[in-house]
């Protein structure tokens, strides 16, 4: 079965939402980790991750796009919070405030 191809704007939304989530390790520039975090953008009809401080680019990681498109990232964060002992009302409030991608 071939992998589903998501629209470019959906992929860009997914990477940008992932980068804003402080419970995950963000993608950084492959040339200088002190640069700003990578952002999703469109190039030649494809979604890519790009460094806003230099010309470094890389492909969008499918593992980022899939949970956001399927609406599963919020639930994944809730499971993670329980596993690491952070399942309290303050953490849940923070998780609820995140702008989760809704397909």
Protein backbone atom coordinates (compact mmCIF):
# COMPACT_ATOMS: atom_id res chain seq x y z
CA UNK A 1 0.00 0.00 0.00
CA UNK A 2 1.55 3.37 -1.00
CA UNK A 3 2.04 6.04 1.64
CA UNK A 4 -0.57 8.78 1.66
CA UNK A 5 0.65 12.09 0.28
CA UNK A 6 -0.59 15.04 2.30
CA UNK A 7 -1.16 18.50 0.81
CA UNK A 8 1.84 20.84 1.00
CA UNK A 9 0.06 23.32 3.31
CA UNK A 10 -0.96 20.50 5.65
CA UNK A 11 2.65 19.36 5.90
CA UNK A 12 3.81 22.93 6.56
CA UNK A 13 1.17 23.37 9.28
CA UNK A 14 2.27 20.09 10.86
CA UNK A 15 5.98 20.95 11.03
CA UNK A 16 5.31 24.44 12.35
CA UNK A 17 2.98 23.08 15.05
CA UNK A 18 5.56 20.44 15.98
CA UNK A 19 8.27 23.07 16.28
CA UNK A 20 6.08 25.12 18.66
CA UNK A 21 5.46 22.15 20.98
CA UNK A 22 7.88 22.36 23.89
CA UNK A 23 7.31 18.72 24.87
CA UNK A 24 9.17 17.55 21.79
CA UNK A 25 12.73 18.14 20.64
CA UNK A 26 12.59 20.60 17.74
CA UNK A 27 14.43 20.25 14.46
CA UNK A 28 17.43 22.57 14.26
CA UNK A 29 19.74 23.79 11.55
CA UNK A 30 22.12 21.12 10.27
CA UNK A 31 24.88 23.70 9.95
CA UNK A 32 24.53 25.67 13.19
CA UNK A 33 22.33 24.55 16.08
CA UNK A 34 22.38 28.10 17.45
CA UNK A 35 20.29 29.28 14.50
CA UNK A 36 16.53 29.69 14.85
CA UNK A 37 14.44 26.51 14.69
CA UNK A 38 13.62 25.11 11.27
CA UNK A 39 10.31 26.22 9.78
CA UNK A 40 8.01 24.58 7.29
CA UNK A 41 7.79 26.22 3.89
CA UNK A 42 6.98 25.44 0.28
CA UNK A 43 9.69 25.10 -2.35
CA UNK A 44 9.12 23.96 -5.90
CA UNK A 45 5.70 22.57 -5.00
CA UNK A 46 6.99 20.50 -2.06
CA UNK A 47 6.95 21.05 1.69
CA UNK A 48 10.40 21.35 3.27
CA UNK A 49 11.95 22.39 6.56
CA UNK A 50 14.25 25.40 6.25
CA UNK A 51 16.52 27.40 8.52
CA UNK A 52 15.41 31.03 8.65
CA UNK A 53 19.03 32.12 9.33
CA UNK A 54 20.84 30.43 6.44
CA UNK A 55 20.15 28.34 3.33
CA UNK A 56 20.01 24.95 5.13
CA UNK A 57 17.01 22.84 4.07
CA UNK A 58 15.82 19.29 4.61
CA UNK A 59 12.82 17.15 3.74
CA UNK A 60 9.76 17.11 5.99
CA UNK A 61 9.88 14.18 8.39
CA UNK A 62 6.83 11.99 7.81
CA UNK A 63 6.76 11.03 11.49
CA UNK A 64 5.85 14.64 12.28
CA UNK A 65 3.14 15.01 9.67
CA UNK A 66 1.29 11.74 10.34
CA UNK A 67 0.21 12.33 13.98
CA UNK A 68 -0.88 15.89 13.31
CA UNK A 69 -2.94 14.96 10.27
CA UNK A 70 -4.57 12.11 12.15
CA UNK A 71 -5.23 14.29 15.21
CA UNK A 72 -3.20 11.99 17.43
CA UNK A 73 -0.45 14.28 18.71
CA UNK A 74 -2.51 15.70 21.60
CA UNK A 75 -3.27 12.21 22.84
CA UNK A 76 0.39 11.27 22.42
CA UNK A 77 1.40 14.21 24.61
CA UNK A 78 -1.12 13.20 27.29
CA UNK A 79 0.27 9.65 27.35
CA UNK A 80 3.82 11.03 27.56
CA UNK A 81 2.88 13.32 30.49
CA UNK A 82 1.47 10.35 32.41
CA UNK A 83 4.53 8.22 31.69
CA UNK A 84 6.97 10.82 33.01
CA UNK A 85 4.84 11.74 36.01
CA UNK A 86 3.66 15.12 34.76
CA UNK A 87 -0.04 14.26 34.46
CA UNK A 88 -1.25 17.10 36.67
CA UNK A 89 -3.82 19.83 36.06
CA UNK A 90 -1.18 22.42 35.07
CA UNK A 91 0.32 20.17 32.39
CA UNK A 92 -3.16 19.22 31.11
CA UNK A 93 -4.09 22.91 30.92
CA UNK A 94 -0.94 23.56 28.88
CA UNK A 95 -1.70 20.63 26.55
CA UNK A 96 -5.26 21.90 26.09
CA UNK A 97 -4.02 25.38 25.11
CA UNK A 98 -1.85 24.12 22.25
CA UNK A 99 -3.26 24.74 18.78
CA UNK A 100 -3.43 21.10 17.71
CA UNK A 101 -3.87 20.47 14.02
CA UNK A 102 -7.43 19.38 13.30
CA UNK A 103 -7.91 17.76 9.90
